[in-house]
Amino acid sequence: MENQTKSWTYLVLDLEMTGLNPFQHGVIEVAAIVLDDLFEIIGDFHMDLLPPDNVIIDPAALEYNGFTLDRIAAGKSYEEFCDFWDGFLDTYFRDGKKPIMIWQFITADIAFLASIFANARREKLYEKLGNDIIDTKSIANQANAIARYNKIPLPFTSTSLSKPGGIASRLNITGYDAHTAHGDIMATREALLKFLKFKK
């Protein structure tokens, strides 16, 4: 799925990490898909990463995302990732166009993505992403806020993508591997389409 002629619109991202603290833990998987104005998939990116030696690996995080130490060791370095990522963005977002980013809980992942760029001394890559964001977790929180205001039951007992009562279960999104970067970007795209009522 490659394009040689134009810039596209949306970029869906997800990361898997060795823990939850961007100052201590690192990124071990990055996945992204590029979408056109109709939210069709135009391009995709997927890579395992090997964080720097000083990164802490929390065993509970590996239980969550299914990674092994051997799989982590086989990943690309942060510097190698940045080279591939730069080329990926240049392929699909041309002439200075920045994507509208689609994320499930961008607050956590964007800090980790920035830590990759900082560790690799490629901070300029952060500027290519811009600041236009659609966050599916925020959409679910907005729906809950409206329900609280109207004193009706909350539509989402959790605004997690994969927890019981969360976005995937409430919107009947199935068939994707939860807690994997690629599975989560596909589920995030599906969630957005259902939030926008473009897909039943």
N, C-alpha and C. Protein backbone atom coordinates (compact mmCIF):
# COMPACT_ATOMS: atom_id res chain seq x y z
N MET A 1 0.84 -1.19 0.00
CA MET A 1 0.00 0.00 0.00
C MET A 1 0.87 1.24 0.00
N GLU A 2 1.34 1.65 -1.15
CA GLU A 2 2.19 2.82 -1.21
C GLU A 2 1.59 3.85 -2.15
N ASN A 3 2.00 5.08 -1.95
CA ASN A 3 1.51 6.18 -2.76
C ASN A 3 2.69 7.01 -3.22
N GLN A 4 2.66 7.42 -4.44
CA GLN A 4 3.77 8.22 -4.96
C GLN A 4 3.35 9.63 -5.38
N THR A 5 2.11 10.01 -5.17
CA THR A 5 1.64 11.24 -5.79
C THR A 5 1.12 12.32 -4.86
N LYS A 6 0.64 11.98 -3.65
CA LYS A 6 -0.01 13.00 -2.85
C LYS A 6 0.23 12.80 -1.37
N SER A 7 -0.19 13.78 -0.59
CA SER A 7 -0.15 13.66 0.86
C SER A 7 -1.50 13.19 1.35
N TRP A 8 -1.46 12.43 2.47
CA TRP A 8 -2.69 11.91 3.03
C TRP A 8 -3.05 12.67 4.29
N THR A 9 -4.03 12.19 5.05
CA THR A 9 -4.62 13.02 6.09
C THR A 9 -4.34 12.55 7.50
N TYR A 10 -4.63 11.29 7.80
CA TYR A 10 -4.63 10.82 9.19
C TYR A 10 -3.49 9.83 9.44
N LEU A 11 -3.00 9.84 10.67
CA LEU A 11 -1.96 8.92 11.10
C LEU A 11 -2.40 8.33 12.44
N VAL A 12 -2.65 7.02 12.46
CA VAL A 12 -3.04 6.32 13.68
C VAL A 12 -1.79 5.66 14.26
N LEU A 13 -1.52 5.91 15.55
CA LEU A 13 -0.31 5.37 16.17
C LEU A 13 -0.62 4.63 17.45
N ASP A 14 0.26 3.67 17.77
CA ASP A 14 0.24 3.02 19.08
C ASP A 14 1.63 2.50 19.39
N LEU A 15 1.97 2.52 20.68
CA LEU A 15 3.27 2.05 21.15
C LEU A 15 3.06 1.02 22.26
N GLU A 16 4.00 0.09 22.37
CA GLU A 16 4.09 -0.79 23.53
C GLU A 16 5.40 -0.48 24.24
N MET A 17 5.36 -0.49 25.57
CA MET A 17 6.50 -0.05 26.35
C MET A 17 6.91 -1.09 27.39
N THR A 18 8.06 -0.84 28.03
CA THR A 18 8.54 -1.72 29.10
C THR A 18 8.01 -1.31 30.46
N GLY A 19 7.13 -0.36 30.51
CA GLY A 19 6.54 0.15 31.74
C GLY A 19 5.80 1.43 31.44
N LEU A 20 5.37 2.13 32.47
CA LEU A 20 4.50 3.29 32.29
C LEU A 20 5.18 4.64 32.51
N ASN A 21 6.44 4.65 32.89
CA ASN A 21 7.14 5.90 33.20
C ASN A 21 8.12 6.23 32.07
N PRO A 22 7.85 7.29 31.29
CA PRO A 22 8.73 7.60 30.16
C PRO A 22 10.14 8.03 30.57
N PHE A 23 10.36 8.33 31.86
CA PHE A 23 11.69 8.69 32.32
C PHE A 23 12.51 7.46 32.72
N GLN A 24 11.86 6.30 32.85
CA GLN A 24 12.56 5.08 33.25
C GLN A 24 12.41 3.95 32.25
N HIS A 25 11.26 3.88 31.61
CA HIS A 25 10.96 2.76 30.72
C HIS A 25 11.13 3.17 29.26
N GLY A 26 11.07 2.18 28.38
CA GLY A 26 11.31 2.46 26.97
C GLY A 26 10.28 1.84 26.05
N VAL A 27 10.39 2.19 24.78
CA VAL A 27 9.46 1.71 23.75
C VAL A 27 10.02 0.45 23.11
N ILE A 28 9.17 -0.56 22.96
CA ILE A 28 9.61 -1.82 22.35
C ILE A 28 8.82 -2.17 21.08
N GLU A 29 7.77 -1.41 20.79
CA GLU A 29 7.01 -1.66 19.56
C GLU A 29 6.30 -0.38 19.15
N VAL A 30 6.35 -0.10 17.86
CA VAL A 30 5.63 1.04 17.28
C VAL A 30 4.85 0.55 16.07
N ALA A 31 3.60 0.93 15.99
CA ALA A 31 2.80 0.63 14.80
C ALA A 31 2.03 1.87 14.40
N ALA A 32 1.82 2.03 13.11
CA ALA A 32 1.07 3.18 12.59
C ALA A 32 0.41 2.80 11.28
N ILE A 33 -0.71 3.42 11.02
CA ILE A 33 -1.35 3.32 9.71
C ILE A 33 -1.69 4.73 9.24
N VAL A 34 -1.61 4.91 7.93
CA VAL A 34 -1.98 6.18 7.29
C VAL A 34 -3.36 5.99 6.67
N LEU A 35 -4.24 6.97 6.91
CA LEU A 35 -5.61 6.90 6.39
C LEU A 35 -5.88 8.08 5.47
N ASP A 36 -6.75 7.85 4.49
CA ASP A 36 -7.18 8.95 3.64
C ASP A 36 -8.41 9.63 4.25
N ASP A 37 -9.03 10.53 3.50
CA ASP A 37 -10.17 11.29 4.03
C ASP A 37 -11.39 10.42 4.32
N LEU A 38 -11.43 9.22 3.74
CA LEU A 38 -12.52 8.29 3.99
C LEU A 38 -12.13 7.24 5.04
N PHE A 39 -10.98 7.45 5.68
CA PHE A 39 -10.47 6.57 6.73
C PHE A 39 -10.07 5.19 6.21
N GLU A 40 -9.81 5.11 4.89
CA GLU A 40 -9.28 3.88 4.32
C GLU A 40 -7.77 3.83 4.55
N ILE A 41 -7.24 2.63 4.73
CA ILE A 41 -5.81 2.45 5.03
C ILE A 41 -5.01 2.57 3.74
N ILE A 42 -4.04 3.50 3.76
CA ILE A 42 -3.20 3.77 2.60
C ILE A 42 -1.80 3.19 2.79
N GLY A 43 -1.31 3.21 4.02
CA GLY A 43 0.03 2.70 4.30
C GLY A 43 0.14 2.25 5.74
N ASP A 44 1.12 1.40 6.01
CA ASP A 44 1.29 0.94 7.38
C ASP A 44 2.77 0.82 7.75
N PHE A 45 3.01 0.85 9.06
CA PHE A 45 4.36 0.80 9.61
C PHE A 45 4.31 -0.07 10.86
N HIS A 46 5.28 -0.95 11.01
CA HIS A 46 5.34 -1.77 12.23
C HIS A 46 6.79 -2.14 12.50
N MET A 47 7.24 -1.93 13.74
CA MET A 47 8.63 -2.23 14.07
C MET A 47 8.77 -2.52 15.56
N ASP A 48 9.57 -3.55 15.87
CA ASP A 48 10.01 -3.80 17.24
C ASP A 48 11.27 -2.99 17.50
N LEU A 49 11.41 -2.49 18.73
CA LEU A 49 12.54 -1.65 19.09
C LEU A 49 13.33 -2.25 20.25
N LEU A 50 14.62 -1.95 20.27
CA LEU A 50 15.50 -2.29 21.38
C LEU A 50 15.87 -0.99 22.10
N PRO A 51 15.31 -0.74 23.28
CA PRO A 51 15.62 0.51 23.99
C PRO A 51 17.07 0.56 24.44
N PRO A 52 17.55 1.74 24.83
CA PRO A 52 18.92 1.85 25.36
C PRO A 52 19.13 1.00 26.61
N ASP A 53 20.39 0.76 26.93
CA ASP A 53 20.73 -0.14 28.04
C ASP A 53 20.21 0.33 29.39
N ASN A 54 20.04 1.65 29.56
CA ASN A 54 19.63 2.16 30.88
C ASN A 54 18.12 2.10 31.11
N VAL A 55 17.38 1.56 30.17
CA VAL A 55 15.93 1.46 30.30
C VAL A 55 15.57 0.31 31.22
N ILE A 56 14.60 0.55 32.10
CA ILE A 56 14.12 -0.47 33.02
C ILE A 56 13.03 -1.29 32.33
N ILE A 57 13.10 -2.60 32.48
CA ILE A 57 12.09 -3.49 31.91
C ILE A 57 11.27 -4.06 33.06
N ASP A 58 10.01 -3.67 33.12
CA ASP A 58 9.10 -4.13 34.17
C ASP A 58 8.48 -5.46 33.74
N PRO A 59 8.72 -6.54 34.49
CA PRO A 59 8.14 -7.84 34.10
C PRO A 59 6.63 -7.79 33.93
N ALA A 60 5.94 -6.96 34.72
CA ALA A 60 4.48 -6.87 34.59
C ALA A 60 4.09 -6.31 33.22
N ALA A 61 4.89 -5.40 32.68
CA ALA A 61 4.60 -4.84 31.36
C ALA A 61 4.73 -5.92 30.29
N LEU A 62 5.72 -6.80 30.43
CA LEU A 62 5.90 -7.86 29.44
C LEU A 62 4.78 -8.89 29.53
N GLU A 63 4.29 -9.12 30.73
CA GLU A 63 3.12 -10.01 30.87
C GLU A 63 1.92 -9.40 30.15
N TYR A 64 1.81 -8.08 30.20
CA TYR A 64 0.69 -7.37 29.61
C TYR A 64 0.74 -7.42 28.08
N ASN A 65 1.94 -7.15 27.51
CA ASN A 65 2.00 -7.05 26.05
C ASN A 65 2.58 -8.29 25.38
N GLY A 66 3.00 -9.29 26.17
CA GLY A 66 3.43 -10.54 25.59
C GLY A 66 4.84 -10.56 25.03
N PHE A 67 5.62 -9.50 25.24
CA PHE A 67 6.98 -9.47 24.74
C PHE A 67 7.88 -10.38 25.57
N THR A 68 8.94 -10.87 24.95
CA THR A 68 9.99 -11.60 25.65
C THR A 68 11.29 -10.80 25.55
N LEU A 69 12.24 -11.12 26.41
CA LEU A 69 13.54 -10.44 26.35
C LEU A 69 14.24 -10.71 25.02
N ASP A 70 14.07 -11.91 24.48
CA ASP A 70 14.68 -12.23 23.19
C ASP A 70 14.07 -11.40 22.07
N ARG A 71 12.77 -11.22 22.12
CA ARG A 71 12.13 -10.39 21.08
C ARG A 71 12.61 -8.94 21.19
N ILE A 72 12.71 -8.44 22.40
CA ILE A 72 13.21 -7.07 22.59
C ILE A 72 14.63 -6.94 22.04
N ALA A 73 15.48 -7.92 22.36
CA ALA A 73 16.88 -7.87 21.93
C ALA A 73 17.03 -7.86 20.42
N ALA A 74 16.04 -8.41 19.71
CA ALA A 74 16.10 -8.47 18.24
C ALA A 74 15.55 -7.19 17.59
N GLY A 75 15.06 -6.25 18.38
CA GLY A 75 14.47 -5.04 17.82
C GLY A 75 15.50 -4.07 17.28
N LYS A 76 15.01 -3.09 16.51
CA LYS A 76 15.87 -2.04 15.97
C LYS A 76 16.23 -1.03 17.07
N SER A 77 17.38 -0.42 16.93
CA SER A 77 17.77 0.64 17.86
C SER A 77 16.88 1.86 17.65
N TYR A 78 16.87 2.76 18.63
CA TYR A 78 16.10 3.99 18.49
C TYR A 78 16.59 4.78 17.26
N GLU A 79 17.90 4.77 17.04
CA GLU A 79 18.44 5.51 15.89
C GLU A 79 17.96 4.91 14.57
N GLU A 80 17.96 3.58 14.49
CA GLU A 80 17.47 2.93 13.28
C GLU A 80 15.99 3.20 13.08
N PHE A 81 15.22 3.13 14.15
CA PHE A 81 13.80 3.43 14.06
C PHE A 81 13.58 4.82 13.49
N CYS A 82 14.32 5.80 13.98
CA CYS A 82 14.13 7.18 13.53
C CYS A 82 14.38 7.32 12.03
N ASP A 83 15.36 6.60 11.51
CA ASP A 83 15.61 6.65 10.07
C ASP A 83 14.43 6.09 9.29
N PHE A 84 13.93 4.94 9.71
CA PHE A 84 12.78 4.33 9.03
C PHE A 84 11.53 5.22 9.17
N TRP A 85 11.32 5.76 10.38
CA TRP A 85 10.14 6.58 10.65
C TRP A 85 10.15 7.85 9.81
N ASP A 86 11.32 8.47 9.69
CA ASP A 86 11.45 9.68 8.88
C ASP A 86 11.06 9.39 7.43
N GLY A 87 11.54 8.28 6.90
CA GLY A 87 11.20 7.91 5.53
C GLY A 87 9.73 7.60 5.37
N PHE A 88 9.14 6.94 6.36
CA PHE A 88 7.71 6.63 6.32
C PHE A 88 6.88 7.91 6.26
N LEU A 89 7.18 8.87 7.13
CA LEU A 89 6.43 10.13 7.12
C LEU A 89 6.61 10.86 5.80
N ASP A 90 7.83 10.87 5.27
CA ASP A 90 8.08 11.58 4.01
C ASP A 90 7.35 10.92 2.84
N THR A 91 7.11 9.62 2.93
CA THR A 91 6.39 8.92 1.86
C THR A 91 4.92 9.34 1.79
N TYR A 92 4.31 9.56 2.94
CA TYR A 92 2.85 9.76 2.97
C TYR A 92 2.42 11.18 3.31
N PHE A 93 3.31 11.98 3.84
CA PHE A 93 2.96 13.36 4.18
C PHE A 93 4.00 14.28 3.54
N ARG A 94 3.64 14.80 2.38
CA ARG A 94 4.58 15.51 1.53
C ARG A 94 4.44 17.02 1.66
N ASP A 95 5.47 17.70 1.19
CA ASP A 95 5.46 19.17 1.06
C ASP A 95 5.11 19.86 2.37
N GLY A 96 5.61 19.33 3.47
CA GLY A 96 5.40 19.96 4.77
C GLY A 96 4.05 19.72 5.40
N LYS A 97 3.20 18.91 4.76
CA LYS A 97 1.89 18.62 5.35
C LYS A 97 2.07 17.75 6.59
N LYS A 98 1.37 18.10 7.66
CA LYS A 98 1.44 17.33 8.89
C LYS A 98 0.16 16.54 9.07
N PRO A 99 0.28 15.32 9.61
CA PRO A 99 -0.91 14.48 9.76
C PRO A 99 -1.82 14.95 10.89
N ILE A 100 -3.09 14.61 10.78
CA ILE A 100 -3.98 14.64 11.94
C ILE A 100 -3.81 13.30 12.63
N MET A 101 -3.34 13.32 13.85
CA MET A 101 -3.01 12.08 14.55
C MET A 101 -4.22 11.53 15.28
N ILE A 102 -4.39 10.22 15.17
CA ILE A 102 -5.47 9.51 15.86
C ILE A 102 -4.81 8.55 16.84
N TRP A 103 -5.25 8.63 18.10
CA TRP A 103 -4.58 7.88 19.15
C TRP A 103 -5.60 7.43 20.17
N GLN A 104 -5.33 6.37 20.87
CA GLN A 104 -6.07 5.98 22.06
C GLN A 104 -5.19 6.35 23.25
N PHE A 105 -5.52 7.45 23.93
CA PHE A 105 -4.78 7.95 25.09
C PHE A 105 -3.40 8.45 24.68
N ILE A 106 -3.40 9.55 23.95
CA ILE A 106 -2.16 10.11 23.43
C ILE A 106 -1.20 10.58 24.52
N THR A 107 -1.73 10.95 25.70
CA THR A 107 -0.90 11.52 26.75
C THR A 107 0.27 10.62 27.09
N ALA A 108 0.02 9.33 27.21
CA ALA A 108 1.10 8.40 27.56
C ALA A 108 2.05 8.19 26.39
N ASP A 109 1.50 7.85 25.23
CA ASP A 109 2.35 7.45 24.12
C ASP A 109 3.19 8.58 23.56
N ILE A 110 2.66 9.80 23.55
CA ILE A 110 3.42 10.90 22.95
C ILE A 110 4.67 11.21 23.76
N ALA A 111 4.60 11.04 25.08
CA ALA A 111 5.78 11.25 25.92
C ALA A 111 6.85 10.21 25.61
N PHE A 112 6.42 8.97 25.39
CA PHE A 112 7.38 7.91 25.05
C PHE A 112 7.96 8.12 23.66
N LEU A 113 7.14 8.54 22.71
CA LEU A 113 7.64 8.81 21.36
C LEU A 113 8.68 9.93 21.39
N ALA A 114 8.39 10.96 22.16
CA ALA A 114 9.35 12.06 22.31
C ALA A 114 10.65 11.57 22.93
N SER A 115 10.57 10.61 23.84
CA SER A 115 11.79 10.09 24.48
C SER A 115 12.65 9.33 23.47
N ILE A 116 12.01 8.67 22.50
CA ILE A 116 12.79 8.02 21.44
C ILE A 116 13.58 9.08 20.68
N PHE A 117 12.89 10.12 20.23
CA PHE A 117 13.55 11.16 19.45
C PHE A 117 14.68 11.82 20.24
N ALA A 118 14.45 12.06 21.52
CA ALA A 118 15.47 12.71 22.35
C ALA A 118 16.68 11.80 22.53
N ASN A 119 16.44 10.51 22.80
CA ASN A 119 17.54 9.57 22.97
C ASN A 119 18.37 9.42 21.71
N ALA A 120 17.71 9.48 20.56
CA ALA A 120 18.39 9.33 19.28
C ALA A 120 18.92 10.66 18.75
N ARG A 121 18.70 11.73 19.50
CA ARG A 121 19.09 13.09 19.09
C ARG A 121 18.46 13.45 17.74
N ARG A 122 17.18 13.10 17.62
CA ARG A 122 16.43 13.41 16.40
C ARG A 122 15.15 14.18 16.75
N GLU A 123 15.27 15.17 17.63
CA GLU A 123 14.11 15.91 18.11
C GLU A 123 13.30 16.56 17.00
N LYS A 124 13.94 16.85 15.87
CA LYS A 124 13.22 17.49 14.76
C LYS A 124 12.09 16.61 14.23
N LEU A 125 12.19 15.30 14.45
CA LEU A 125 11.13 14.41 13.99
C LEU A 125 9.81 14.70 14.70
N TYR A 126 9.91 15.16 15.93
CA TYR A 126 8.69 15.50 16.69
C TYR A 126 7.90 16.59 15.98
N GLU A 127 8.61 17.53 15.36
CA GLU A 127 7.95 18.66 14.69
C GLU A 127 7.16 18.21 13.46
N LYS A 128 7.51 17.07 12.89
CA LYS A 128 6.79 16.59 11.70
C LYS A 128 5.38 16.11 12.02
N LEU A 129 5.10 15.87 13.31
CA LEU A 129 3.80 15.34 13.69
C LEU A 129 2.74 16.42 13.87
N GLY A 130 3.13 17.63 14.14
CA GLY A 130 2.15 18.69 14.35
C GLY A 130 1.39 18.50 15.66
N ASN A 131 0.27 19.21 15.78
CA ASN A 131 -0.49 19.15 17.03
C ASN A 131 -1.99 18.99 16.83
N ASP A 132 -2.40 18.45 15.69
CA ASP A 132 -3.81 18.14 15.46
C ASP A 132 -4.06 16.69 15.86
N ILE A 133 -4.95 16.49 16.83
CA ILE A 133 -5.09 15.17 17.45
C ILE A 133 -6.56 14.81 17.63
N ILE A 134 -6.89 13.56 17.34
CA ILE A 134 -8.17 12.96 17.71
C ILE A 134 -7.85 11.82 18.67
N ASP A 135 -8.39 11.88 19.89
CA ASP A 135 -8.09 10.88 20.91
C ASP A 135 -9.38 10.12 21.23
N THR A 136 -9.40 8.82 20.93
CA THR A 136 -10.63 8.05 21.14
C THR A 136 -10.97 7.91 22.63
N LYS A 137 -9.97 7.91 23.49
CA LYS A 137 -10.24 7.87 24.93
C LYS A 137 -10.96 9.16 25.36
N SER A 138 -10.54 10.29 24.81
CA SER A 138 -11.19 11.56 25.13
C SER A 138 -12.63 11.60 24.62
N ILE A 139 -12.88 10.98 23.45
CA ILE A 139 -14.25 10.92 22.93
C ILE A 139 -15.13 10.13 23.90
N ALA A 140 -14.62 9.00 24.40
CA ALA A 140 -15.38 8.21 25.36
C ALA A 140 -15.62 9.00 26.65
N ASN A 141 -14.61 9.73 27.10
CA ASN A 141 -14.78 10.56 28.30
C ASN A 141 -15.81 11.67 28.07
N GLN A 142 -15.84 12.21 26.87
CA GLN A 142 -16.84 13.23 26.54
C GLN A 142 -18.25 12.63 26.60
N ALA A 143 -18.41 11.42 26.05
CA ALA A 143 -19.71 10.75 26.11
C ALA A 143 -20.14 10.52 27.56
N ASN A 144 -19.18 10.14 28.41
CA ASN A 144 -19.50 9.94 29.82
C ASN A 144 -19.86 11.26 30.50
N ALA A 145 -19.18 12.34 30.13
CA ALA A 145 -19.48 13.64 30.72
C ALA A 145 -20.90 14.09 30.38
N ILE A 146 -21.30 13.86 29.13
CA ILE A 146 -22.66 14.20 28.71
C ILE A 146 -23.68 13.36 29.49
N ALA A 147 -23.36 12.08 29.69
CA ALA A 147 -24.27 11.21 30.45
C ALA A 147 -24.39 11.67 31.90
N ARG A 148 -23.28 12.05 32.52
CA ARG A 148 -23.34 12.54 33.90
C ARG A 148 -24.20 13.80 33.98
N TYR A 149 -24.02 14.69 33.04
CA TYR A 149 -24.78 15.94 33.03
C TYR A 149 -26.28 15.66 32.94
N ASN A 150 -26.63 14.67 32.11
CA ASN A 150 -28.04 14.33 31.91
C ASN A 150 -28.56 13.29 32.89
N LYS A 151 -27.68 12.90 33.85
CA LYS A 151 -28.05 11.95 34.90
C LYS A 151 -28.60 10.64 34.33
N ILE A 152 -27.87 10.13 33.36
CA ILE A 152 -28.21 8.83 32.76
C ILE A 152 -26.99 7.92 32.92
N PRO A 153 -27.17 6.60 32.76
CA PRO A 153 -26.04 5.69 32.92
C PRO A 153 -24.89 6.02 31.97
N LEU A 154 -23.68 5.82 32.47
CA LEU A 154 -22.50 6.08 31.64
C LEU A 154 -22.42 5.07 30.50
N PRO A 155 -22.16 5.53 29.29
CA PRO A 155 -22.02 4.59 28.18
C PRO A 155 -20.76 3.73 28.29
N PHE A 156 -19.73 4.25 28.99
CA PHE A 156 -18.48 3.52 29.13
C PHE A 156 -18.11 3.41 30.60
N THR A 157 -18.14 2.19 31.13
CA THR A 157 -17.71 2.01 32.51
C THR A 157 -16.19 2.08 32.62
N SER A 158 -15.50 1.94 31.50
CA SER A 158 -14.07 2.16 31.41
C SER A 158 -13.81 2.84 30.07
N THR A 159 -12.85 3.79 30.05
CA THR A 159 -12.49 4.41 28.77
C THR A 159 -11.22 3.80 28.19
N SER A 160 -10.80 2.66 28.76
CA SER A 160 -9.73 1.86 28.16
C SER A 160 -10.22 1.29 26.83
N LEU A 161 -9.29 1.02 25.94
CA LEU A 161 -9.67 0.39 24.68
C LEU A 161 -10.11 -1.05 24.90
N SER A 162 -9.43 -1.77 25.82
CA SER A 162 -9.61 -3.22 25.88
C SER A 162 -10.19 -3.77 27.18
N LYS A 163 -10.28 -2.97 28.23
CA LYS A 163 -10.82 -3.49 29.49
C LYS A 163 -12.32 -3.77 29.37
N PRO A 164 -12.85 -4.68 30.22
CA PRO A 164 -14.31 -4.92 30.22
C PRO A 164 -15.08 -3.62 30.44
N GLY A 165 -16.10 -3.41 29.65
CA GLY A 165 -16.86 -2.17 29.73
C GLY A 165 -16.21 -1.01 29.02
N GLY A 166 -15.06 -1.27 28.42
CA GLY A 166 -14.33 -0.23 27.70
C GLY A 166 -14.79 -0.08 26.27
N ILE A 167 -14.00 0.66 25.50
CA ILE A 167 -14.41 1.08 24.16
C ILE A 167 -14.65 -0.12 23.23
N ALA A 168 -13.70 -1.05 23.20
CA ALA A 168 -13.85 -2.18 22.27
C ALA A 168 -15.08 -3.02 22.60
N SER A 169 -15.28 -3.31 23.89
CA SER A 169 -16.42 -4.16 24.24
C SER A 169 -17.74 -3.43 24.05
N ARG A 170 -17.80 -2.15 24.40
CA ARG A 170 -19.05 -1.39 24.27
C ARG A 170 -19.42 -1.15 22.81
N LEU A 171 -18.42 -1.03 21.94
CA LEU A 171 -18.69 -0.78 20.53
C LEU A 171 -18.63 -2.06 19.69
N ASN A 172 -18.52 -3.21 20.37
CA ASN A 172 -18.48 -4.51 19.68
C ASN A 172 -17.36 -4.59 18.65
N ILE A 173 -16.18 -4.18 19.08
CA ILE A 173 -14.99 -4.25 18.22
C ILE A 173 -14.25 -5.53 18.57
N THR A 174 -14.13 -6.43 17.62
CA THR A 174 -13.48 -7.72 17.86
C THR A 174 -12.52 -8.03 16.72
N GLY A 175 -11.73 -9.09 16.93
CA GLY A 175 -10.87 -9.56 15.86
C GLY A 175 -9.49 -8.94 15.82
N TYR A 176 -9.14 -8.16 16.84
CA TYR A 176 -7.83 -7.52 16.89
C TYR A 176 -7.10 -7.98 18.16
N ASP A 177 -5.79 -8.15 18.06
CA ASP A 177 -4.99 -8.58 19.21
C ASP A 177 -4.76 -7.40 20.14
N ALA A 178 -5.43 -7.42 21.29
CA ALA A 178 -5.27 -6.34 22.27
C ALA A 178 -3.85 -6.36 22.84
N HIS A 179 -3.38 -5.19 23.23
CA HIS A 179 -2.07 -5.00 23.86
C HIS A 179 -0.92 -5.28 22.91
N THR A 180 -1.20 -5.27 21.62
CA THR A 180 -0.15 -5.23 20.60
C THR A 180 -0.33 -3.92 19.86
N ALA A 181 0.78 -3.32 19.45
CA ALA A 181 0.67 -2.01 18.81
C ALA A 181 -0.16 -2.09 17.54
N HIS A 182 0.05 -3.12 16.73
CA HIS A 182 -0.71 -3.21 15.47
C HIS A 182 -2.18 -3.51 15.73
N GLY A 183 -2.46 -4.42 16.64
CA GLY A 183 -3.86 -4.71 16.97
C GLY A 183 -4.58 -3.49 17.50
N ASP A 184 -3.89 -2.72 18.34
CA ASP A 184 -4.54 -1.55 18.95
C ASP A 184 -4.78 -0.42 17.95
N ILE A 185 -3.90 -0.25 16.95
CA ILE A 185 -4.20 0.81 15.97
C ILE A 185 -5.39 0.42 15.11
N MET A 186 -5.52 -0.87 14.80
CA MET A 186 -6.67 -1.29 14.00
C MET A 186 -7.96 -1.13 14.80
N ALA A 187 -7.92 -1.46 16.09
CA ALA A 187 -9.11 -1.28 16.93
C ALA A 187 -9.42 0.20 17.13
N THR A 188 -8.38 1.03 17.23
CA THR A 188 -8.59 2.48 17.39
C THR A 188 -9.26 3.07 16.15
N ARG A 189 -8.82 2.65 14.97
CA ARG A 189 -9.48 3.11 13.74
C ARG A 189 -10.94 2.70 13.73
N GLU A 190 -11.21 1.44 14.10
CA GLU A 190 -12.58 0.95 14.13
C GLU A 190 -13.43 1.75 15.12
N ALA A 191 -12.84 2.04 16.29
CA ALA A 191 -13.56 2.82 17.30
C ALA A 191 -13.90 4.20 16.77
N LEU A 192 -12.96 4.85 16.11
CA LEU A 192 -13.23 6.19 15.58
C LEU A 192 -14.35 6.16 14.57
N LEU A 193 -14.33 5.17 13.67
CA LEU A 193 -15.40 5.07 12.68
C LEU A 193 -16.76 4.91 13.35
N LYS A 194 -16.81 4.15 14.43
CA LYS A 194 -18.08 3.95 15.11
C LYS A 194 -18.48 5.20 15.89
N PHE A 195 -17.53 5.88 16.49
CA PHE A 195 -17.84 7.14 17.16
C PHE A 195 -18.39 8.17 16.16
N LEU A 196 -17.82 8.17 14.96
CA LEU A 196 -18.26 9.12 13.94
C LEU A 196 -19.50 8.64 13.19
N LYS A 197 -19.95 7.42 13.54
CA LYS A 197 -21.15 6.81 12.95
C LYS A 197 -20.98 6.58 11.44
N PHE A 198 -19.74 6.32 11.04
CA PHE A 198 -19.49 5.96 9.65
C PHE A 198 -19.54 4.46 9.46
N LYS A 199 -19.65 3.71 10.58
CA LYS A 199 -19.66 2.26 10.47
C LYS A 199 -20.52 1.73 11.60
N LYS A 200 -21.42 0.82 11.29
CA LYS A 200 -22.31 0.26 12.29
C LYS A 200 -21.56 -0.76 13.15
